[in-house]
Amino acid sequence: MHEASLVAAMAEEIRRLAVAEGAQKVTRILVRIGEAAGVELEAFDFAFLALKAQDPLFSEAHLEIETRPVVLECFFCGHRQEGELGRPCDQCGQIGLQLISGDEIYLASIDLITGDKNV
């Protein structure tokens, strides 16, 4: 389950940011995951719940996952469309689409509690 390692890497980055900001708690995490990223969303959420149970920094954190569509661009006419690789261009009918986005996984934002204020 590579989702557990993704959550662990995310937690390390958040922990680094939390320490830099002097935060005691993480209250919200927004992650954007592309539909072609190969991430099983239920497994990612399950791994996050395990993290919450084990790490006091994340015990009050709410995880939000936004999925991002696959966006393809035609090599021939430059048309952009959403969909799956391997299908023809909706505009010119040629087969030759390249992935522009939809395979990304990134931490979009976090909310932290530092002392008596939210960051």
N, C-alpha and C. Protein backbone atom coordinates (compact mmCIF):
# COMPACT_ATOMS: atom_id res chain seq x y z
N MET A 1 0.86 -1.18 0.00
CA MET A 1 0.00 0.00 0.00
C MET A 1 0.90 1.23 0.00
N HIS A 2 1.14 1.81 -1.18
CA HIS A 2 2.02 2.98 -1.24
C HIS A 2 1.34 4.23 -0.69
N GLU A 3 0.04 4.18 -0.47
CA GLU A 3 -0.66 5.32 0.09
C GLU A 3 -0.13 5.64 1.49
N ALA A 4 0.22 4.60 2.26
CA ALA A 4 0.77 4.82 3.61
C ALA A 4 2.09 5.58 3.53
N SER A 5 2.92 5.26 2.56
CA SER A 5 4.19 6.00 2.43
C SER A 5 3.95 7.42 1.93
N LEU A 6 2.92 7.62 1.11
CA LEU A 6 2.57 8.99 0.69
C LEU A 6 2.11 9.82 1.88
N VAL A 7 1.28 9.24 2.72
CA VAL A 7 0.81 9.95 3.92
C VAL A 7 1.98 10.22 4.86
N ALA A 8 2.89 9.27 5.00
CA ALA A 8 4.05 9.48 5.86
C ALA A 8 4.92 10.62 5.35
N ALA A 9 5.13 10.68 4.04
CA ALA A 9 5.93 11.76 3.46
C ALA A 9 5.23 13.10 3.64
N MET A 10 3.90 13.11 3.45
CA MET A 10 3.12 14.33 3.66
C MET A 10 3.24 14.79 5.11
N ALA A 11 3.13 13.83 6.04
CA ALA A 11 3.21 14.16 7.46
C ALA A 11 4.57 14.75 7.82
N GLU A 12 5.63 14.23 7.23
CA GLU A 12 6.96 14.77 7.50
C GLU A 12 7.08 16.21 7.02
N GLU A 13 6.56 16.50 5.84
CA GLU A 13 6.61 17.87 5.34
C GLU A 13 5.77 18.80 6.22
N ILE A 14 4.59 18.35 6.62
CA ILE A 14 3.75 19.17 7.49
C ILE A 14 4.42 19.37 8.84
N ARG A 15 5.02 18.32 9.36
CA ARG A 15 5.72 18.43 10.64
C ARG A 15 6.84 19.47 10.55
N ARG A 16 7.58 19.45 9.44
CA ARG A 16 8.66 20.43 9.24
C ARG A 16 8.10 21.86 9.24
N LEU A 17 6.98 22.05 8.54
CA LEU A 17 6.35 23.37 8.49
C LEU A 17 5.79 23.76 9.86
N ALA A 18 5.21 22.81 10.56
CA ALA A 18 4.64 23.08 11.89
C ALA A 18 5.73 23.50 12.87
N VAL A 19 6.85 22.83 12.84
CA VAL A 19 7.97 23.20 13.72
C VAL A 19 8.46 24.60 13.38
N ALA A 20 8.59 24.89 12.10
CA ALA A 20 9.06 26.22 11.66
C ALA A 20 8.12 27.33 12.12
N GLU A 21 6.81 27.02 12.18
CA GLU A 21 5.81 28.02 12.60
C GLU A 21 5.52 27.98 14.10
N GLY A 22 6.11 27.04 14.81
CA GLY A 22 5.85 26.90 16.25
C GLY A 22 4.45 26.38 16.54
N ALA A 23 3.92 25.55 15.67
CA ALA A 23 2.54 25.06 15.81
C ALA A 23 2.45 23.88 16.78
N GLN A 24 1.32 23.83 17.49
CA GLN A 24 1.04 22.72 18.39
C GLN A 24 0.13 21.68 17.74
N LYS A 25 -0.71 22.11 16.80
CA LYS A 25 -1.69 21.22 16.18
C LYS A 25 -1.88 21.57 14.71
N VAL A 26 -2.24 20.56 13.96
CA VAL A 26 -2.69 20.74 12.58
C VAL A 26 -4.20 20.53 12.62
N THR A 27 -4.95 21.47 12.05
CA THR A 27 -6.42 21.35 12.09
C THR A 27 -7.03 20.99 10.74
N ARG A 28 -6.34 21.32 9.66
CA ARG A 28 -6.90 21.05 8.33
C ARG A 28 -5.77 20.84 7.34
N ILE A 29 -5.96 19.86 6.47
CA ILE A 29 -4.99 19.56 5.42
C ILE A 29 -5.77 19.42 4.11
N LEU A 30 -5.35 20.15 3.10
CA LEU A 30 -5.95 20.03 1.77
C LEU A 30 -4.91 19.44 0.83
N VAL A 31 -5.25 18.29 0.26
CA VAL A 31 -4.37 17.60 -0.68
C VAL A 31 -5.08 17.51 -2.02
N ARG A 32 -4.36 17.78 -3.09
CA ARG A 32 -4.92 17.64 -4.44
C ARG A 32 -4.26 16.44 -5.10
N ILE A 33 -5.10 15.54 -5.58
CA ILE A 33 -4.62 14.29 -6.16
C ILE A 33 -5.24 14.12 -7.55
N GLY A 34 -4.39 13.99 -8.54
CA GLY A 34 -4.86 13.79 -9.90
C GLY A 34 -5.45 12.40 -10.10
N GLU A 35 -6.43 12.33 -10.99
CA GLU A 35 -7.10 11.05 -11.25
C GLU A 35 -6.15 10.00 -11.83
N ALA A 36 -5.06 10.43 -12.46
CA ALA A 36 -4.10 9.50 -13.04
C ALA A 36 -2.87 9.31 -12.14
N ALA A 37 -2.95 9.73 -10.89
CA ALA A 37 -1.81 9.63 -9.98
C ALA A 37 -1.61 8.22 -9.43
N GLY A 38 -2.59 7.36 -9.61
CA GLY A 38 -2.46 6.00 -9.12
C GLY A 38 -2.66 5.86 -7.62
N VAL A 39 -3.38 6.80 -7.04
CA VAL A 39 -3.62 6.77 -5.60
C VAL A 39 -5.04 6.27 -5.34
N GLU A 40 -5.14 5.28 -4.48
CA GLU A 40 -6.44 4.79 -4.03
C GLU A 40 -6.88 5.70 -2.89
N LEU A 41 -7.92 6.49 -3.13
CA LEU A 41 -8.32 7.53 -2.17
C LEU A 41 -8.75 6.95 -0.83
N GLU A 42 -9.46 5.83 -0.83
CA GLU A 42 -9.87 5.21 0.44
C GLU A 42 -8.66 4.77 1.24
N ALA A 43 -7.67 4.20 0.58
CA ALA A 43 -6.46 3.76 1.28
C ALA A 43 -5.67 4.95 1.81
N PHE A 44 -5.64 6.05 1.06
CA PHE A 44 -4.97 7.27 1.51
C PHE A 44 -5.66 7.80 2.77
N ASP A 45 -6.98 7.84 2.74
CA ASP A 45 -7.75 8.30 3.90
C ASP A 45 -7.54 7.38 5.09
N PHE A 46 -7.54 6.08 4.87
CA PHE A 46 -7.31 5.11 5.94
C PHE A 46 -5.93 5.32 6.57
N ALA A 47 -4.90 5.51 5.75
CA ALA A 47 -3.56 5.75 6.25
C ALA A 47 -3.51 7.05 7.06
N PHE A 48 -4.26 8.05 6.62
CA PHE A 48 -4.31 9.30 7.37
C PHE A 48 -4.98 9.10 8.73
N LEU A 49 -6.04 8.32 8.78
CA LEU A 49 -6.71 8.04 10.06
C LEU A 49 -5.76 7.34 11.03
N ALA A 50 -4.94 6.44 10.52
CA ALA A 50 -3.94 5.77 11.36
C ALA A 50 -2.93 6.78 11.89
N LEU A 51 -2.51 7.73 11.03
CA LEU A 51 -1.60 8.79 11.46
C LEU A 51 -2.22 9.62 12.57
N LYS A 52 -3.48 10.01 12.41
CA LYS A 52 -4.18 10.80 13.42
C LYS A 52 -4.19 10.10 14.77
N ALA A 53 -4.39 8.80 14.75
CA ALA A 53 -4.47 8.02 15.99
C ALA A 53 -3.11 7.92 16.69
N GLN A 54 -2.03 8.03 15.93
CA GLN A 54 -0.69 7.83 16.48
C GLN A 54 0.08 9.11 16.79
N ASP A 55 -0.27 10.20 16.16
CA ASP A 55 0.55 11.41 16.26
C ASP A 55 -0.28 12.56 16.80
N PRO A 56 0.04 13.06 18.00
CA PRO A 56 -0.74 14.16 18.60
C PRO A 56 -0.80 15.43 17.75
N LEU A 57 0.21 15.68 16.94
CA LEU A 57 0.20 16.87 16.08
C LEU A 57 -0.99 16.84 15.12
N PHE A 58 -1.40 15.63 14.71
CA PHE A 58 -2.46 15.47 13.71
C PHE A 58 -3.79 15.02 14.31
N SER A 59 -3.88 14.90 15.63
CA SER A 59 -5.07 14.30 16.27
C SER A 59 -6.37 15.04 15.98
N GLU A 60 -6.29 16.34 15.72
CA GLU A 60 -7.50 17.13 15.44
C GLU A 60 -7.61 17.53 13.97
N ALA A 61 -6.75 16.98 13.14
CA ALA A 61 -6.68 17.40 11.75
C ALA A 61 -7.82 16.79 10.92
N HIS A 62 -8.34 17.60 10.03
CA HIS A 62 -9.34 17.15 9.08
C HIS A 62 -8.67 17.13 7.70
N LEU A 63 -8.76 15.98 7.03
CA LEU A 63 -8.17 15.82 5.71
C LEU A 63 -9.21 16.08 4.64
N GLU A 64 -8.89 16.97 3.71
CA GLU A 64 -9.72 17.21 2.54
C GLU A 64 -8.93 16.79 1.31
N ILE A 65 -9.56 16.00 0.46
CA ILE A 65 -8.91 15.56 -0.77
C ILE A 65 -9.71 16.11 -1.94
N GLU A 66 -9.04 16.85 -2.79
CA GLU A 66 -9.63 17.33 -4.04
C GLU A 66 -9.02 16.52 -5.17
N THR A 67 -9.88 15.92 -5.97
CA THR A 67 -9.35 15.20 -7.13
C THR A 67 -9.26 16.16 -8.31
N ARG A 68 -8.22 15.97 -9.09
CA ARG A 68 -7.96 16.80 -10.25
C ARG A 68 -8.16 15.96 -11.51
N PRO A 69 -8.83 16.48 -12.52
CA PRO A 69 -9.08 15.69 -13.74
C PRO A 69 -7.81 15.51 -14.57
N VAL A 70 -7.85 14.48 -15.39
CA VAL A 70 -6.78 14.27 -16.38
C VAL A 70 -7.01 15.25 -17.52
N VAL A 71 -6.00 16.04 -17.83
CA VAL A 71 -6.07 16.98 -18.96
C VAL A 71 -5.01 16.56 -19.97
N LEU A 72 -5.45 16.44 -21.20
CA LEU A 72 -4.59 15.99 -22.29
C LEU A 72 -4.51 17.08 -23.36
N GLU A 73 -3.37 17.11 -24.06
CA GLU A 73 -3.21 18.06 -25.17
C GLU A 73 -2.80 17.29 -26.42
N CYS A 74 -3.43 17.63 -27.52
CA CYS A 74 -3.16 16.97 -28.81
C CYS A 74 -1.83 17.48 -29.38
N PHE A 75 -0.97 16.54 -29.79
CA PHE A 75 0.30 16.90 -30.44
C PHE A 75 0.07 17.60 -31.77
N PHE A 76 -1.03 17.28 -32.43
CA PHE A 76 -1.27 17.75 -33.79
C PHE A 76 -1.93 19.13 -33.85
N CYS A 77 -3.01 19.31 -33.08
CA CYS A 77 -3.74 20.58 -33.20
C CYS A 77 -3.68 21.44 -31.94
N GLY A 78 -3.14 20.90 -30.86
CA GLY A 78 -3.00 21.68 -29.63
C GLY A 78 -4.25 21.74 -28.77
N HIS A 79 -5.31 21.08 -29.20
CA HIS A 79 -6.57 21.08 -28.43
C HIS A 79 -6.34 20.41 -27.07
N ARG A 80 -6.92 20.99 -26.04
CA ARG A 80 -6.88 20.39 -24.70
C ARG A 80 -8.24 19.82 -24.36
N GLN A 81 -8.20 18.66 -23.72
CA GLN A 81 -9.45 17.99 -23.33
C GLN A 81 -9.21 17.16 -22.08
N GLU A 82 -10.30 16.88 -21.38
CA GLU A 82 -10.23 15.97 -20.25
C GLU A 82 -10.52 14.57 -20.75
N GLY A 83 -9.98 13.58 -20.06
CA GLY A 83 -10.27 12.20 -20.45
C GLY A 83 -9.12 11.27 -20.14
N GLU A 84 -9.09 10.17 -20.87
CA GLU A 84 -8.09 9.13 -20.65
C GLU A 84 -7.09 9.10 -21.80
N LEU A 85 -5.87 8.72 -21.48
CA LEU A 85 -4.86 8.54 -22.52
C LEU A 85 -5.30 7.41 -23.45
N GLY A 86 -4.87 7.50 -24.70
CA GLY A 86 -5.16 6.45 -25.66
C GLY A 86 -6.38 6.71 -26.52
N ARG A 87 -7.14 7.73 -26.19
CA ARG A 87 -8.29 8.05 -27.04
C ARG A 87 -7.92 9.15 -28.03
N PRO A 88 -8.67 9.28 -29.09
CA PRO A 88 -8.34 10.31 -30.09
C PRO A 88 -8.72 11.71 -29.60
N CYS A 89 -8.15 12.68 -30.26
CA CYS A 89 -8.46 14.08 -29.99
C CYS A 89 -9.92 14.36 -30.34
N ASP A 90 -10.60 15.05 -29.46
CA ASP A 90 -12.00 15.40 -29.69
C ASP A 90 -12.17 16.39 -30.86
N GLN A 91 -11.13 17.15 -31.15
CA GLN A 91 -11.24 18.17 -32.19
C GLN A 91 -10.80 17.67 -33.57
N CYS A 92 -9.61 17.04 -33.65
CA CYS A 92 -9.09 16.67 -34.97
C CYS A 92 -9.15 15.16 -35.25
N GLY A 93 -9.43 14.35 -34.22
CA GLY A 93 -9.56 12.91 -34.39
C GLY A 93 -8.26 12.15 -34.40
N GLN A 94 -7.12 12.83 -34.35
CA GLN A 94 -5.83 12.15 -34.34
C GLN A 94 -5.59 11.48 -32.98
N ILE A 95 -4.80 10.40 -33.02
CA ILE A 95 -4.37 9.77 -31.78
C ILE A 95 -2.96 10.27 -31.51
N GLY A 96 -2.81 10.96 -30.43
CA GLY A 96 -1.53 11.57 -30.09
C GLY A 96 -1.73 12.62 -29.02
N LEU A 97 -2.27 12.19 -27.90
CA LEU A 97 -2.51 13.12 -26.80
C LEU A 97 -1.44 12.93 -25.73
N GLN A 98 -0.96 14.03 -25.19
CA GLN A 98 0.00 13.95 -24.09
C GLN A 98 -0.65 14.45 -22.81
N LEU A 99 -0.21 13.89 -21.72
CA LEU A 99 -0.74 14.24 -20.40
C LEU A 99 -0.20 15.61 -20.00
N ILE A 100 -1.09 16.53 -19.70
CA ILE A 100 -0.73 17.87 -19.24
C ILE A 100 -0.83 17.95 -17.73
N SER A 101 -1.91 17.38 -17.18
CA SER A 101 -2.09 17.34 -15.73
C SER A 101 -3.05 16.21 -15.38
N GLY A 102 -3.07 15.90 -14.11
CA GLY A 102 -3.94 14.84 -13.62
C GLY A 102 -3.17 13.70 -13.00
N ASP A 103 -1.82 13.79 -13.00
CA ASP A 103 -1.01 12.76 -12.36
C ASP A 103 -0.30 13.30 -11.12
N GLU A 104 -0.71 14.49 -10.68
CA GLU A 104 -0.03 15.15 -9.58
C GLU A 104 -0.62 14.73 -8.22
N ILE A 105 0.23 14.87 -7.21
CA ILE A 105 -0.17 14.73 -5.81
C ILE A 105 0.54 15.86 -5.10
N TYR A 106 -0.22 16.76 -4.50
CA TYR A 106 0.47 17.82 -3.77
C TYR A 106 -0.34 18.35 -2.60
N LEU A 107 0.40 18.84 -1.65
CA LEU A 107 -0.16 19.45 -0.46
C LEU A 107 -0.52 20.88 -0.82
N ALA A 108 -1.81 21.18 -0.87
CA ALA A 108 -2.27 22.50 -1.31
C ALA A 108 -2.27 23.51 -0.18
N SER A 109 -2.72 23.10 1.01
CA SER A 109 -2.73 24.03 2.15
C SER A 109 -2.87 23.26 3.45
N ILE A 110 -2.43 23.91 4.52
CA ILE A 110 -2.63 23.37 5.86
C ILE A 110 -3.04 24.50 6.79
N ASP A 111 -3.81 24.17 7.78
CA ASP A 111 -4.16 25.11 8.84
C ASP A 111 -3.52 24.61 10.13
N LEU A 112 -2.86 25.52 10.83
CA LEU A 112 -2.13 25.18 12.06
C LEU A 112 -2.63 26.01 13.23
N ILE A 113 -2.49 25.47 14.42
CA ILE A 113 -2.71 26.24 15.64
C ILE A 113 -1.35 26.51 16.27
N THR A 114 -1.03 27.79 16.41
CA THR A 114 0.23 28.19 17.02
C THR A 114 -0.09 29.03 18.23
N GLY A 115 0.22 28.52 19.40
CA GLY A 115 -0.06 29.26 20.63
C GLY A 115 -1.54 29.54 20.74
N ASP A 116 -1.91 30.81 20.68
CA ASP A 116 -3.32 31.16 20.82
C ASP A 116 -3.94 31.66 19.51
N LYS A 117 -3.28 31.38 18.37
CA LYS A 117 -3.83 31.84 17.11
C LYS A 117 -3.75 30.76 16.05
N ASN A 118 -4.62 30.88 15.05
CA ASN A 118 -4.61 29.96 13.90
C ASN A 118 -3.78 30.57 12.80
N VAL A 119 -3.03 29.72 12.08
CA VAL A 119 -2.20 30.18 10.96
C VAL A 119 -2.70 29.53 9.70
